[in-house]
């Protein structure tokens, strides 16, 4: 009889723990957050304009409805971009608006920048997309744009010869890596409403986050951080775009209640790992990048033009002096290299 009582107590204790775990899982998402109407409207507008072409690499999937307000009306499973020329390290699920802008960003900025700085195209991208979760993976937080298939995180690019440019190491890596990633960053700022790269805050030290979140009712504001002093070599007169750029957007004022994404896709930030606040990521010491400007057109002697000082800040554009360098540390951290 005593053995039976002990067994029942064990069963009850296990059941209580299971119920508690289920409750915690349910609390991971904000149950009170509703799906904004503009999301479905943006999807419908993109689909009606047929901005995404289905191929063997981009296939429509069943509607994702939940949990909570997560999901999208017409998801697309993506295994390759650029009409199959660029592989993805892992499959992505995206809604029409983010996918169409990502394709245009690849064609108009990423590939031309790779040819300019390395003389060869990008062959593979390591990126993350859909995930139903709160921002920065925090239970109960406002849902991330990744929850709606409206965001992409880029961790690295692999060139045709196998050379890998990581955002973590390349942002302060070789001259060619720095130039390439800054071209990619500025090109994203022309197409997406949120672009966050290393130096914007502690959560983005190893990836570039892009999304199409609305920071004001009309969708005319944007967030593009960090502010950098860099003269792009792309964008020459006569360069043809695969898709027209969206209307120019104004920077969102810092004092406004701005919806800023602070994602940590794999829980690898220094804060989540308990490391020091300022770990330094450097370019690979053993493998040197190909000649930075070997394929640059003769009329652009890029090798003779050193990169301008890079600065990062949450200050508005008018607060920057012509030559005054700003701290690379995000607000709230001590000065010094973040990455």
Protein backbone atom coordinates (compact mmCIF):
# COMPACT_ATOMS: atom_id res chain seq x y z
CA UNK A 1 0.00 0.00 0.00
CA UNK A 2 2.84 2.36 0.85
CA UNK A 3 4.48 1.66 -2.50
CA UNK A 4 1.22 2.60 -4.30
CA UNK A 5 1.04 5.92 -2.42
CA UNK A 6 4.60 6.77 -3.37
CA UNK A 7 3.85 5.97 -7.01
CA UNK A 8 0.75 8.16 -7.01
CA UNK A 9 2.68 11.03 -5.48
CA UNK A 10 5.30 10.70 -8.23
CA UNK A 11 2.61 10.71 -10.91
CA UNK A 12 0.94 13.81 -9.43
CA UNK A 13 4.25 15.63 -9.11
CA UNK A 14 5.14 14.85 -12.74
CA UNK A 15 1.70 16.02 -13.92
CA UNK A 16 2.07 19.28 -12.02
CA UNK A 17 5.45 19.92 -13.62
CA UNK A 18 4.06 19.13 -17.08
CA UNK A 19 1.17 21.58 -16.58
CA UNK A 20 3.54 24.26 -15.34
CA UNK A 21 5.76 23.74 -18.40
CA UNK A 22 2.77 24.04 -20.72
CA UNK A 23 1.74 27.25 -18.98
CA UNK A 24 5.21 28.72 -19.41
CA UNK A 25 5.20 27.77 -23.09
CA UNK A 26 1.87 29.54 -23.57
CA UNK A 27 3.27 32.65 -21.91
CA UNK A 28 6.19 32.75 -24.34
CA UNK A 29 4.04 34.67 -26.82
CA UNK A 30 2.11 37.85 -26.13
CA UNK A 31 -1.50 36.63 -26.27
CA UNK A 32 -2.87 40.18 -26.29
CA UNK A 33 -0.95 41.37 -29.36
CA UNK A 34 -3.12 41.60 -32.47
CA UNK A 35 -2.08 41.40 -36.08
CA UNK A 36 -1.94 44.88 -37.59
CA UNK A 37 -4.25 45.29 -40.65
CA UNK A 38 -1.44 46.77 -42.76
CA UNK A 39 0.36 43.42 -42.81
CA UNK A 40 -2.36 41.62 -44.76
CA UNK A 41 -2.82 44.69 -46.96
CA UNK A 42 0.89 44.74 -47.83
CA UNK A 43 0.81 41.03 -48.65
CA UNK A 44 -2.23 41.39 -50.88
CA UNK A 45 -0.72 44.36 -52.71
CA UNK A 46 2.52 42.45 -53.34
CA UNK A 47 0.70 39.34 -54.55
CA UNK A 48 -1.64 41.30 -56.83
CA UNK A 49 1.37 43.00 -58.44
CA UNK A 50 3.00 39.58 -58.89
CA UNK A 51 6.29 40.77 -57.42
CA UNK A 52 7.27 37.19 -56.57
CA UNK A 53 7.60 34.59 -59.30
CA UNK A 54 7.24 30.98 -58.22
CA UNK A 55 9.97 28.61 -59.41
CA UNK A 56 11.39 25.27 -58.32
CA UNK A 57 13.34 27.27 -55.70
CA UNK A 58 10.47 29.52 -54.53
CA UNK A 59 7.25 27.63 -53.84
CA UNK A 60 4.00 28.80 -52.22
CA UNK A 61 3.00 27.09 -48.99
CA UNK A 62 -0.11 26.78 -46.88
CA UNK A 63 -1.21 29.81 -44.85
CA UNK A 64 0.45 30.13 -41.45
CA UNK A 65 -2.17 31.17 -38.91
CA UNK A 66 -0.76 31.28 -35.40
CA UNK A 67 0.12 30.60 -32.75
CA UNK A 68 -1.23 33.94 -31.62
CA UNK A 69 -0.98 36.59 -34.32
CA UNK A 70 2.09 35.00 -35.92
CA UNK A 71 1.99 33.95 -39.53
CA UNK A 72 1.25 35.17 -43.04
CA UNK A 73 -1.46 34.66 -45.63
CA UNK A 74 0.77 33.33 -48.40
CA UNK A 75 4.14 32.01 -47.22
CA UNK A 76 6.87 31.17 -49.70
CA UNK A 77 9.43 28.43 -49.06
CA UNK A 78 12.75 29.60 -50.46
CA UNK A 79 15.78 27.38 -51.06
CA UNK A 80 17.64 29.60 -53.55
CA UNK A 81 17.58 33.24 -54.61
CA UNK A 82 18.57 35.02 -57.81
CA UNK A 83 16.68 32.60 -60.05
CA UNK A 84 18.56 29.70 -58.52
CA UNK A 85 22.05 31.19 -58.73
CA UNK A 86 22.48 31.82 -54.99
CA UNK A 87 22.03 28.96 -52.53
CA UNK A 88 20.70 29.42 -49.00
CA UNK A 89 22.48 27.60 -46.20
CA UNK A 90 19.06 26.83 -44.72
CA UNK A 91 15.61 27.16 -46.22
CA UNK A 92 13.74 30.40 -45.52
CA UNK A 93 10.04 31.11 -45.19
CA UNK A 94 9.06 34.65 -46.16
CA UNK A 95 5.99 36.67 -47.06
CA UNK A 96 5.75 38.31 -50.47
CA UNK A 97 6.88 41.87 -49.53
CA UNK A 98 10.11 40.85 -47.77
CA UNK A 99 10.96 38.23 -50.40
CA UNK A 100 10.52 40.63 -53.32
CA UNK A 101 12.71 43.28 -51.70
CA UNK A 102 15.34 40.69 -50.77
CA UNK A 103 15.54 39.58 -54.41
CA UNK A 104 15.92 43.17 -55.59
CA UNK A 105 18.55 43.86 -52.91
CA UNK A 106 20.52 40.82 -54.06
CA UNK A 107 20.40 41.79 -57.74
CA UNK A 108 20.95 45.54 -57.41
CA UNK A 109 23.42 45.75 -54.52
CA UNK A 110 24.83 42.49 -53.16
CA UNK A 111 25.98 40.93 -56.42
CA UNK A 112 27.35 44.16 -57.95
CA UNK A 113 29.24 44.86 -54.70
CA UNK A 114 30.73 41.35 -54.70
CA UNK A 115 31.90 41.80 -58.29
CA UNK A 116 33.33 45.23 -57.50
CA UNK A 117 35.29 44.29 -54.37
CA UNK A 118 36.14 40.63 -55.06
CA UNK A 119 35.70 40.13 -58.80
CA UNK A 120 33.21 37.28 -58.37
CA UNK A 121 29.58 36.78 -57.36
CA UNK A 122 28.04 35.57 -54.11
CA UNK A 123 27.20 31.87 -54.36
CA UNK A 124 25.64 31.19 -50.94
CA UNK A 125 24.03 33.22 -48.16
CA UNK A 126 23.65 32.17 -44.54
CA UNK A 127 20.41 33.79 -43.42
CA UNK A 128 17.44 33.34 -41.11
CA UNK A 129 13.82 34.36 -41.64
CA UNK A 130 10.51 33.17 -40.16
CA UNK A 131 10.27 32.36 -36.46
CA UNK A 132 7.23 32.90 -34.24
CA UNK A 133 8.79 34.52 -31.17
CA UNK A 134 9.14 37.72 -29.23
CA UNK A 135 11.88 40.21 -29.87
CA UNK A 136 15.27 39.15 -28.62
CA UNK A 137 13.64 35.78 -27.81
CA UNK A 138 12.08 37.28 -24.68
CA UNK A 139 8.85 35.64 -23.39
CA UNK A 140 5.89 38.02 -23.53
CA UNK A 141 7.77 40.65 -25.58
CA UNK A 142 6.29 42.37 -28.62
CA UNK A 143 6.44 40.00 -31.56
CA UNK A 144 9.46 40.18 -33.83
CA UNK A 145 9.01 41.00 -37.52
CA UNK A 146 10.35 37.49 -38.08
CA UNK A 147 7.01 36.28 -36.70
CA UNK A 148 5.29 37.57 -39.85
CA UNK A 149 7.85 36.51 -42.46
CA UNK A 150 8.70 40.18 -42.78
CA UNK A 151 12.39 40.13 -41.82
CA UNK A 152 15.71 38.56 -42.80
CA UNK A 153 18.92 38.18 -40.80
CA UNK A 154 22.15 37.87 -42.80
CA UNK A 155 25.07 36.21 -41.03
CA UNK A 156 27.52 35.56 -43.88
CA UNK A 157 28.15 35.45 -47.63
CA UNK A 158 30.11 32.76 -49.48
CA UNK A 159 31.73 33.79 -52.78
CA UNK A 160 32.01 31.60 -55.87
CA UNK A 161 35.57 30.53 -54.93
CA UNK A 162 34.44 29.44 -51.45
CA UNK A 163 35.73 32.48 -49.54
CA UNK A 164 33.34 33.37 -46.69
CA UNK A 165 32.63 36.93 -45.54
CA UNK A 166 31.02 36.93 -42.10
CA UNK A 167 29.24 40.00 -40.82
CA UNK A 168 30.83 39.49 -37.42
CA UNK A 169 34.43 39.45 -38.68
CA UNK A 170 34.09 41.34 -41.95
CA UNK A 171 32.51 44.50 -40.55
CA UNK A 172 35.95 45.36 -39.16
CA UNK A 173 37.90 42.96 -41.35
CA UNK A 174 39.93 43.53 -44.50
CA UNK A 175 39.43 46.66 -46.56
CA UNK A 176 37.54 44.71 -49.22
CA UNK A 177 35.27 43.03 -46.63
CA UNK A 178 34.49 46.34 -44.97
CA UNK A 179 33.69 48.02 -48.27
CA UNK A 180 31.52 45.15 -49.46
CA UNK A 181 29.48 44.94 -46.24
CA UNK A 182 28.96 48.70 -46.14
CA UNK A 183 27.71 48.70 -49.73
CA UNK A 184 25.33 45.88 -48.77
CA UNK A 185 24.22 47.82 -45.67
CA UNK A 186 23.55 51.09 -47.52
CA UNK A 187 21.75 49.25 -50.31
CA UNK A 188 19.47 47.66 -47.74
CA UNK A 189 18.68 51.08 -46.28
CA UNK A 190 17.26 52.09 -49.67
CA UNK A 191 14.80 49.20 -49.73
CA UNK A 192 13.89 48.22 -46.18
CA UNK A 193 12.34 50.28 -43.36
CA UNK A 194 14.58 48.77 -40.67
CA UNK A 195 18.25 47.94 -41.16
CA UNK A 196 20.45 47.15 -38.15
CA UNK A 197 24.11 46.19 -38.49
CA UNK A 198 27.07 45.82 -36.11
CA UNK A 199 27.37 49.00 -34.06
CA UNK A 200 23.61 49.64 -33.91
CA UNK A 201 23.25 47.80 -30.59
CA UNK A 202 24.69 44.81 -28.76
CA UNK A 203 22.25 42.36 -30.33
CA UNK A 204 23.49 42.91 -33.89
CA UNK A 205 27.21 42.41 -33.50
CA UNK A 206 27.19 39.36 -35.80
CA UNK A 207 24.43 39.89 -38.39
CA UNK A 208 22.58 42.44 -40.49
CA UNK A 209 18.87 42.58 -39.76
CA UNK A 210 16.46 43.95 -42.40
CA UNK A 211 12.67 44.19 -42.24
CA UNK A 212 9.67 46.10 -43.58
CA UNK A 213 8.11 47.13 -40.26
CA UNK A 214 6.01 50.30 -40.17
CA UNK A 215 7.41 52.94 -37.85
CA UNK A 216 4.58 55.39 -38.51
CA UNK A 217 1.00 55.04 -39.82
CA UNK A 218 1.96 55.89 -43.43
CA UNK A 219 5.14 53.82 -43.52
CA UNK A 220 7.32 56.81 -44.43
CA UNK A 221 9.84 56.50 -41.60
CA UNK A 222 12.87 54.27 -41.51
CA UNK A 223 15.58 53.12 -39.12
CA UNK A 224 19.05 52.62 -40.59
CA UNK A 225 21.75 52.11 -37.97
CA UNK A 226 24.58 52.64 -37.34
CA UNK A 227 25.25 55.94 -39.04
CA UNK A 228 28.45 55.50 -41.02
CA UNK A 229 30.84 57.73 -42.89
CA UNK A 230 31.42 55.81 -46.10
CA UNK A 231 31.41 56.82 -49.75
CA UNK A 232 29.70 54.06 -51.75
CA UNK A 233 31.27 53.05 -55.04
CA UNK A 234 28.03 51.60 -56.42
CA UNK A 235 25.18 53.70 -57.69
CA UNK A 236 26.97 55.16 -60.68
CA UNK A 237 24.87 57.02 -63.24
CA UNK A 238 23.08 54.74 -65.63
CA UNK A 239 23.06 51.67 -63.36
CA UNK A 240 19.89 49.74 -64.14
CA UNK A 241 17.78 48.46 -61.28
CA UNK A 242 15.79 45.26 -61.46
CA UNK A 243 13.01 46.98 -59.52
CA UNK A 244 12.44 50.69 -58.81
CA UNK A 245 13.45 51.86 -55.35
CA UNK A 246 10.61 52.64 -52.93
CA UNK A 247 9.87 56.31 -52.16
CA UNK A 248 12.52 57.99 -49.99
CA UNK A 249 11.82 57.63 -46.28
CA UNK A 250 12.73 60.00 -43.47
CA UNK A 251 14.74 58.82 -40.44
CA UNK A 252 12.53 58.12 -37.46
CA UNK A 253 13.21 60.70 -34.71
CA UNK A 254 15.12 59.14 -31.77
CA UNK A 255 12.69 60.56 -29.20
CA UNK A 256 9.68 58.92 -30.85
CA UNK A 257 8.39 55.55 -29.60
CA UNK A 258 10.09 53.69 -32.42
CA UNK A 259 9.54 49.99 -33.10
CA UNK A 260 13.16 48.76 -33.26
CA UNK A 261 13.95 45.12 -33.85
CA UNK A 262 16.50 43.68 -31.43
CA UNK A 263 16.87 40.11 -32.54
CA UNK A 264 19.30 37.49 -31.36
CA UNK A 265 18.55 34.68 -33.84
CA UNK A 266 20.57 31.93 -32.21
CA UNK A 267 21.03 33.17 -28.64
CA UNK A 268 24.69 33.91 -29.32
CA UNK A 269 25.06 37.48 -28.13
CA UNK A 270 27.64 38.23 -25.44
CA UNK A 271 24.76 38.91 -23.02
CA UNK A 272 23.17 35.50 -23.52
CA UNK A 273 26.48 33.69 -23.19
CA UNK A 274 27.59 35.54 -20.07
CA UNK A 275 30.75 36.85 -21.70
CA UNK A 276 32.31 40.26 -21.36
CA UNK A 277 30.49 43.24 -22.88
CA UNK A 278 33.09 43.98 -25.55
CA UNK A 279 34.38 40.83 -27.24
CA UNK A 280 36.38 41.59 -30.37
CA UNK A 281 35.75 39.72 -33.61
CA UNK A 282 38.49 39.96 -36.18
CA UNK A 283 38.90 38.90 -39.77
CA UNK A 284 40.44 35.44 -40.29
CA UNK A 285 44.17 35.71 -39.64
CA UNK A 286 45.27 32.81 -41.83
CA UNK A 287 43.24 33.34 -45.00
CA UNK A 288 43.66 36.61 -46.84
CA UNK A 289 40.92 37.95 -49.04
CA UNK A 290 41.53 38.24 -52.76
CA UNK A 291 42.76 41.56 -54.05
CA UNK A 292 40.19 44.10 -52.96
CA UNK A 293 39.87 45.97 -56.20
CA UNK A 294 41.33 43.67 -58.83
CA UNK A 295 38.17 43.82 -60.92
CA UNK A 296 37.33 47.47 -60.40
CA UNK A 297 36.83 49.45 -63.59
CA UNK A 298 39.90 51.47 -64.65
CA UNK A 299 38.05 54.75 -64.20
CA UNK A 300 37.57 53.96 -60.52
CA UNK A 301 40.96 53.46 -58.85
CA UNK A 302 39.40 52.22 -55.62
CA UNK A 303 42.66 50.97 -54.18
CA UNK A 304 43.86 54.56 -54.11
CA UNK A 305 40.85 55.66 -52.09
CA UNK A 306 41.14 54.64 -48.42
CA UNK A 307 37.87 54.05 -46.64
CA UNK A 308 36.56 57.05 -44.76
CA UNK A 309 36.28 56.79 -40.95
CA UNK A 310 33.29 54.73 -39.89
CA UNK A 311 31.00 56.03 -37.20
CA UNK A 312 27.94 54.73 -35.42
CA UNK A 313 25.41 56.63 -33.41
CA UNK A 314 21.75 56.88 -32.56
CA UNK A 315 21.93 60.63 -33.18
CA UNK A 316 20.02 62.27 -36.06
CA UNK A 317 21.90 63.19 -39.23
CA UNK A 318 22.08 66.89 -38.38
CA UNK A 319 23.94 66.11 -35.15
CA UNK A 320 26.93 64.78 -37.09
CA UNK A 321 29.75 67.15 -37.80
CA UNK A 322 31.59 67.02 -41.09
CA UNK A 323 34.66 65.35 -39.62
CA UNK A 324 33.74 64.56 -36.01
CA UNK A 325 34.14 60.82 -35.38
CA UNK A 326 31.61 59.18 -33.09
CA UNK A 327 31.89 56.25 -30.74
CA UNK A 328 31.37 52.79 -32.21
CA UNK A 329 29.79 51.60 -28.98
CA UNK A 330 25.98 51.42 -28.82
CA UNK A 331 24.21 53.59 -26.23
CA UNK A 332 24.71 52.38 -22.70
CA UNK A 333 28.04 50.61 -23.23
CA UNK A 334 31.49 51.83 -22.38
CA UNK A 335 33.61 53.13 -25.29
CA UNK A 336 35.66 50.59 -27.15
CA UNK A 337 35.16 47.96 -29.83
CA UNK A 338 31.89 46.12 -29.50
CA UNK A 339 32.39 43.25 -31.90
